[in-house]
Protein backbone atom coordinates (compact mmCIF):
# COMPACT_ATOMS: atom_id res chain seq x y z
CA MET A 1 73.02 -33.00 -150.38
CA SER A 2 75.12 -32.93 -153.56
CA ASP A 3 75.56 -29.88 -155.77
CA VAL A 4 74.13 -27.54 -153.11
CA HIS A 5 75.53 -24.16 -152.16
CA ASP A 6 75.51 -22.83 -148.64
CA VAL A 7 74.01 -19.61 -149.98
CA ILE A 8 72.71 -18.24 -153.23
CA ILE A 9 72.51 -14.46 -153.56
CA VAL A 10 70.02 -13.11 -156.10
CA GLY A 11 70.98 -9.59 -157.14
CA GLY A 12 74.25 -7.84 -157.86
CA GLY A 13 73.96 -4.29 -156.55
CA PRO A 14 75.69 -2.89 -153.45
CA ALA A 15 73.61 -5.12 -151.16
CA GLY A 16 74.10 -8.36 -153.05
CA LEU A 17 77.81 -7.91 -153.70
CA THR A 18 78.52 -6.88 -150.11
CA ALA A 19 76.66 -9.99 -148.97
CA ALA A 20 78.85 -11.95 -151.39
CA ILE A 21 82.04 -10.48 -149.91
CA TYR A 22 81.03 -11.44 -146.37
CA ALA A 23 79.66 -14.85 -147.35
CA ALA A 24 82.79 -15.71 -149.32
CA ARG A 25 85.06 -14.69 -146.46
CA ALA A 26 82.99 -16.96 -144.21
CA ASN A 27 83.63 -19.88 -146.62
CA LEU A 28 79.95 -20.16 -147.54
CA ASP A 29 80.61 -20.86 -151.24
CA PRO A 30 78.25 -18.10 -152.43
CA LEU A 31 76.77 -18.15 -155.89
CA VAL A 32 75.70 -14.67 -157.01
CA ILE A 33 73.08 -14.56 -159.72
CA GLU A 34 73.46 -10.86 -160.32
CA GLY A 35 71.20 -10.42 -163.33
CA PHE A 36 71.72 -8.56 -166.58
CA GLY A 37 71.03 -5.34 -164.66
CA ALA A 38 74.09 -5.99 -162.53
CA GLY A 39 75.19 -3.12 -160.35
CA GLY A 40 71.70 -1.85 -159.65
CA GLN A 41 70.78 1.82 -159.82
CA LEU A 42 74.42 2.87 -159.43
CA MET A 43 75.03 1.78 -163.02
CA THR A 44 73.07 4.84 -164.15
CA THR A 45 74.71 7.15 -161.61
CA THR A 46 77.55 9.39 -162.70
CA ASP A 47 79.31 10.91 -159.69
CA VAL A 48 78.99 9.21 -156.29
CA GLU A 49 80.37 11.60 -153.70
CA ASN A 50 78.68 10.43 -150.49
CA TYR A 51 80.07 6.90 -150.23
CA PRO A 52 82.77 6.72 -147.51
CA GLY A 53 86.30 6.03 -148.71
CA PHE A 54 86.10 8.02 -151.94
CA PRO A 55 87.07 11.59 -150.99
CA ASP A 56 87.25 12.66 -154.63
CA GLY A 57 84.08 10.82 -155.62
CA VAL A 58 83.73 7.85 -157.94
CA GLN A 59 81.65 6.91 -160.96
CA GLY A 60 78.78 4.57 -160.10
CA PRO A 61 79.74 1.82 -162.61
CA GLU A 62 83.38 2.03 -161.51
CA MET A 63 82.42 1.56 -157.87
CA MET A 64 80.26 -1.45 -158.67
CA GLU A 65 83.12 -3.04 -160.61
CA MET A 66 85.25 -2.64 -157.47
CA PHE A 67 82.54 -4.38 -155.43
CA ARG A 68 82.42 -7.21 -157.96
CA ALA A 69 86.20 -7.65 -158.08
CA GLN A 70 86.40 -7.74 -154.29
CA ALA A 71 83.68 -10.40 -154.05
CA ALA A 72 85.38 -12.50 -156.73
CA ARG A 73 88.75 -12.16 -155.00
CA PHE A 74 87.36 -13.96 -151.97
CA GLY A 75 85.86 -16.74 -154.03
CA ALA A 76 82.31 -15.68 -154.79
CA ARG A 77 81.06 -17.18 -158.04
CA ILE A 78 79.30 -14.43 -159.96
CA GLU A 79 77.04 -15.09 -162.93
CA GLN A 80 75.63 -12.21 -164.96
CA VAL A 81 72.36 -13.92 -165.75
CA ASP A 82 68.77 -13.40 -164.62
CA ALA A 83 67.06 -15.73 -162.19
CA THR A 84 63.87 -16.81 -163.91
CA ARG A 85 62.16 -18.83 -161.19
CA VAL A 86 62.54 -19.44 -157.45
CA ASP A 87 61.07 -22.06 -155.11
CA VAL A 88 61.42 -21.52 -151.35
CA SER A 89 58.70 -23.95 -150.31
CA GLU A 90 61.29 -26.41 -148.98
CA THR A 91 65.01 -26.79 -148.49
CA PRO A 92 67.23 -26.86 -150.34
CA PHE A 93 65.85 -23.72 -151.94
CA ARG A 94 65.88 -23.78 -155.71
CA VAL A 95 66.72 -21.01 -158.16
CA TRP A 96 66.47 -21.43 -161.91
CA VAL A 97 68.23 -19.61 -164.72
CA ASP A 98 66.06 -20.66 -167.64
CA ASP A 99 66.27 -24.49 -167.45
CA GLU A 100 69.36 -24.61 -165.23
CA GLU A 101 68.59 -25.32 -161.58
CA HIS A 102 70.71 -24.17 -158.65
CA ARG A 103 70.13 -25.26 -155.05
CA ALA A 104 71.11 -23.71 -151.73
CA ARG A 105 70.65 -24.19 -148.02
CA SER A 106 70.01 -20.45 -147.61
CA LEU A 107 68.97 -17.63 -149.90
CA ILE A 108 69.74 -13.91 -149.82
CA ILE A 109 67.47 -11.70 -151.92
CA ALA A 110 69.04 -8.45 -153.08
CA THR A 111 67.09 -7.74 -156.26
CA GLY A 112 66.63 -4.04 -155.48
CA ALA A 113 64.04 -1.61 -156.71
CA THR A 114 63.78 0.68 -159.70
CA ALA A 115 62.72 4.29 -159.57
CA ARG A 116 59.72 5.28 -161.65
CA TRP A 117 60.42 7.79 -164.38
CA LEU A 118 58.17 10.07 -166.41
CA GLY A 119 59.05 8.37 -169.67
CA LEU A 120 60.24 11.46 -171.54
CA GLU A 121 63.06 11.31 -174.10
CA SER A 122 64.54 14.52 -172.72
CA GLU A 123 64.40 13.09 -169.20
CA THR A 124 66.41 10.07 -170.33
CA ALA A 125 68.91 12.19 -172.24
CA LEU A 126 69.64 14.37 -169.19
CA ARG A 127 69.59 11.62 -166.59
CA GLY A 128 72.68 12.12 -164.47
CA PHE A 129 73.10 15.66 -165.80
CA GLY A 130 70.50 17.32 -163.61
CA VAL A 131 67.73 14.72 -163.78
CA SER A 132 67.71 12.42 -160.75
CA THR A 133 65.49 10.39 -158.48
CA CYS A 134 67.58 10.95 -155.34
CA ALA A 135 67.88 14.35 -153.69
CA THR A 136 70.14 12.96 -150.96
CA CYS A 137 72.52 11.65 -153.61
CA ASP A 138 72.57 14.57 -156.01
CA GLY A 139 71.07 17.68 -154.43
CA PHE A 140 74.43 19.01 -153.26
CA PHE A 141 75.62 19.42 -156.85
CA PHE A 142 73.00 22.13 -157.40
CA LYS A 143 73.45 24.17 -154.24
CA ASP A 144 72.03 27.72 -154.39
CA LYS A 145 70.21 26.98 -157.65
CA ARG A 146 66.58 26.46 -158.63
CA MET A 147 65.27 22.91 -158.56
CA VAL A 148 62.06 21.09 -159.47
CA VAL A 149 60.53 18.12 -157.66
CA VAL A 150 57.92 16.06 -159.50
CA GLY A 151 55.37 14.18 -157.39
CA GLY A 152 52.78 14.56 -154.67
CA GLY A 153 53.42 11.82 -152.13
CA ASP A 154 55.45 11.70 -148.95
CA SER A 155 58.62 10.96 -150.94
CA ALA A 156 58.18 14.13 -152.97
CA MET A 157 57.64 16.15 -149.80
CA GLU A 158 60.76 14.66 -148.25
CA GLU A 159 62.77 15.51 -151.35
CA ALA A 160 61.47 19.08 -151.40
CA ILE A 161 62.17 19.59 -147.69
CA TYR A 162 65.68 18.23 -148.05
CA LEU A 163 66.43 20.34 -151.12
CA SER A 164 65.02 23.50 -149.53
CA ARG A 165 68.04 23.58 -147.23
CA MET A 166 70.40 24.16 -150.14
CA ALA A 167 68.32 25.42 -153.06
CA GLU A 168 67.51 28.98 -154.00
CA GLN A 169 63.99 27.82 -154.88
CA VAL A 170 62.21 24.45 -155.01
CA THR A 171 59.11 24.07 -157.14
CA ILE A 172 56.93 21.01 -156.65
CA VAL A 173 55.08 19.98 -159.81
CA HIS A 174 52.00 17.88 -159.11
CA ARG A 175 49.43 16.63 -161.59
CA ARG A 176 46.46 17.04 -159.23
CA ASP A 177 45.06 19.84 -157.08
CA ALA A 178 45.88 18.12 -153.78
CA PHE A 179 48.81 16.09 -152.50
CA ARG A 180 48.62 12.38 -151.76
CA ALA A 181 51.17 12.98 -149.01
CA SER A 182 50.26 12.89 -145.33
CA LYS A 183 49.02 16.23 -144.04
CA ILE A 184 51.97 16.67 -141.70
CA MET A 185 54.50 16.19 -144.52
CA ALA A 186 52.57 18.40 -146.94
CA ASP A 187 52.19 21.18 -144.36
CA ARG A 188 55.88 20.99 -143.54
CA ALA A 189 56.89 21.36 -147.17
CA LEU A 190 54.42 24.13 -147.93
CA SER A 191 55.47 26.12 -144.87
CA LEU A 192 58.99 26.60 -146.23
CA PRO A 193 59.58 30.05 -147.74
CA ASN A 194 61.55 28.79 -150.74
CA VAL A 195 59.12 26.01 -151.71
CA ASP A 196 56.20 26.61 -154.05
CA VAL A 197 53.81 24.38 -156.02
CA ARG A 198 52.48 24.18 -159.55
CA TRP A 199 49.16 22.37 -159.12
CA ASN A 200 47.41 20.43 -161.91
CA ALA A 201 50.60 20.35 -163.93
CA LEU A 202 52.56 17.75 -165.89
CA VAL A 203 56.14 17.86 -167.12
CA ASP A 204 56.17 17.95 -170.91
CA GLU A 205 59.90 18.27 -171.46
CA VAL A 206 63.23 18.82 -169.74
CA LEU A 207 65.15 21.58 -171.48
CA GLY A 208 68.90 21.95 -171.72
CA ASP A 209 71.98 21.28 -173.81
CA GLY A 210 74.07 18.74 -171.90
CA LYS A 211 72.57 19.79 -168.58
CA VAL A 212 69.18 20.78 -167.20
CA GLU A 213 68.37 24.45 -167.80
CA ALA A 214 64.56 24.49 -167.48
CA VAL A 215 61.52 22.27 -167.09
CA ARG A 216 58.52 22.76 -169.38
CA ILE A 217 55.25 22.09 -167.58
CA ARG A 218 51.69 22.01 -168.89
CA ASP A 219 48.55 22.95 -166.98
CA VAL A 220 46.19 19.99 -167.35
CA VAL A 221 43.14 22.28 -166.99
CA THR A 222 44.00 25.13 -169.36
CA GLY A 223 46.60 23.43 -171.55
CA GLU A 224 48.96 26.37 -171.10
CA THR A 225 52.68 25.67 -170.88
CA GLU A 226 55.35 27.34 -168.77
CA ASP A 227 59.12 26.98 -168.70
CA LEU A 228 60.48 26.86 -165.16
CA PRO A 229 64.17 27.82 -164.97
CA ALA A 230 65.94 25.05 -163.05
CA ALA A 231 69.33 23.41 -162.73
CA ALA A 232 67.89 20.06 -161.63
CA MET A 233 64.71 18.01 -161.71
CA PHE A 234 64.09 15.31 -159.12
CA VAL A 235 61.47 12.72 -160.02
CA ALA A 236 59.76 11.43 -156.87
CA ILE A 237 56.84 9.36 -158.11
CA GLY A 238 57.74 6.11 -156.41
CA HIS A 239 59.80 2.95 -156.79
CA ASP A 240 58.98 -0.58 -157.94
CA PRO A 241 60.67 -3.34 -155.92
CA ALA A 242 61.88 -6.29 -157.98
CA THR A 243 59.90 -8.96 -156.17
CA SER A 244 57.82 -10.66 -158.86
CA LEU A 245 59.90 -13.85 -158.47
CA PHE A 246 58.86 -14.12 -154.83
CA ALA A 247 55.19 -13.14 -154.92
CA GLY A 248 53.06 -15.74 -153.16
CA GLN A 249 56.12 -17.32 -151.52
CA ILE A 250 57.50 -14.59 -149.24
CA GLU A 251 55.56 -11.96 -147.30
CA LEU A 252 55.39 -8.65 -149.16
CA ASP A 253 53.88 -5.37 -148.05
CA GLU A 254 51.15 -3.57 -149.99
CA GLU A 255 53.75 -1.84 -152.17
CA GLY A 256 55.47 -5.12 -153.01
CA TYR A 257 58.52 -4.73 -150.76
CA ILE A 258 59.76 -7.77 -148.84
CA VAL A 259 58.79 -7.62 -145.17
CA THR A 260 61.78 -8.27 -142.93
CA ASP A 261 62.75 -8.42 -139.30
CA GLY A 262 66.27 -7.10 -139.67
CA THR A 263 67.10 -9.07 -142.82
CA ARG A 264 65.05 -12.17 -141.97
CA THR A 265 61.96 -12.87 -144.03
CA ASN A 266 58.99 -14.95 -142.92
CA VAL A 267 60.64 -18.02 -144.51
CA GLU A 268 63.37 -19.61 -142.39
CA GLY A 269 66.70 -19.46 -144.19
CA VAL A 270 65.63 -16.72 -146.61
CA PHE A 271 67.04 -13.22 -146.07
CA ALA A 272 66.55 -9.92 -147.88
CA CYS A 273 68.69 -6.80 -148.03
CA GLY A 274 68.98 -3.52 -149.84
CA ASP A 275 66.27 -1.59 -151.67
CA VAL A 276 64.07 -4.67 -152.13
CA GLN A 277 63.16 -4.30 -148.45
CA ASP A 278 64.14 -0.70 -147.70
CA THR A 279 61.36 1.83 -148.22
CA VAL A 280 63.09 4.63 -146.32
CA TYR A 281 66.80 5.20 -146.99
CA ARG A 282 67.60 3.77 -150.45
CA GLN A 283 71.29 4.67 -150.32
CA ALA A 284 74.25 2.67 -151.60
CA VAL A 285 75.86 2.74 -148.17
CA THR A 286 72.72 1.50 -146.38
CA ALA A 287 72.24 -1.19 -149.01
CA ALA A 288 75.82 -2.35 -148.51
CA GLY A 289 75.33 -2.33 -144.75
CA SER A 290 72.22 -4.47 -144.98
CA GLY A 291 74.06 -6.85 -147.34
CA CYS A 292 76.66 -7.34 -144.62
CA MET A 293 73.87 -7.99 -142.11
CA ALA A 294 72.17 -10.52 -144.38
CA ALA A 295 75.38 -12.49 -144.90
CA ILE A 296 76.08 -12.59 -141.16
CA ASP A 297 72.47 -13.57 -140.45
CA ALA A 298 72.68 -16.36 -143.04
CA GLU A 299 75.97 -17.60 -141.64
CA ARG A 300 74.58 -17.73 -138.12
CA TRP A 301 71.39 -19.40 -139.29
CA LEU A 302 73.38 -22.06 -141.14
CA GLU A 303 75.39 -22.78 -138.00
CA THR A 304 72.25 -23.64 -136.07
CA ALA A 305 69.96 -25.04 -138.78
CA ASP A 306 69.44 -28.80 -138.85
CA LEU A 307 70.69 -29.25 -142.42
CA GLU A 308 73.30 -31.41 -144.06
CA PRO A 309 76.56 -29.64 -145.10
CA ALA A 310 76.65 -28.16 -148.57
CA THR A 311 78.85 -29.55 -151.31
CA ASP A 312 79.52 -27.88 -154.63
CA ALA A 313 79.40 -29.54 -158.02
CA ALA A 314 83.17 -30.00 -158.19
CA THR A 315 83.24 -31.79 -154.83
CA ALA A 316 80.25 -33.94 -155.75
CA SER A 317 81.89 -35.18 -158.92
CA ALA A 318 85.33 -35.77 -157.41
């Protein structure tokens, strides 16, 4: 095959760039189509203090630039463009950027997921300054303070339970009069002495000058509003995996996440890593770890697959 990469990596967050580092070091000629949203959710994260190797913390965008530079150093070709179409029905797999076609013997999907937000201007303005979608990432910054969790599913219960260990008070704001969460998770959250609930309530506004100071909620039954003093608001209303390119081609679960066995998908030679297939942890360090796994899995698959060696465009034209 001419003009075919050993591996194409779609996505440029911690998972995709770690996969690129490992693939490049294995001489797999990786092409990374990282997208215009390169860096993933870390690009909207201020302080990252739980990633090993950064004892003083690091800014999310700065850390992703380090990932990118390290991948490039080993020879990964990184393009900050969006993949617009993918075909995995046969090998070589094909990935398009508008009208430009790229081909590869294996494919690593690392397109990630995006957290759902409430859509408030004040929420956007204070994102990273007390507004977050990740208690594990940011809860520590607000130790011994009041916090609000928005949502009613298992994720919201998990956030509230986690935050209860460090918060003075956690208030769950839920728009209905009953949780969608499993009974065991709801009971566990509600049994905690420093967790309470505002039922039938919506968040109207996040209040604060440069940082969260309170959350204004509105009772959907009475229309009355209340300002809850809080140092942080954690939005836990779900995530949307970026899998529209692969729908109908790769097995997805009911929420749209790629189904994997380790990092292997149901299509031979196609692997997935990071938040696009992780419904549980959603951490930069776990995404990076799964990117490593995907690159190693792809390398091992290529060693045993009955495919012709890859050649890049420069070699083909020489």
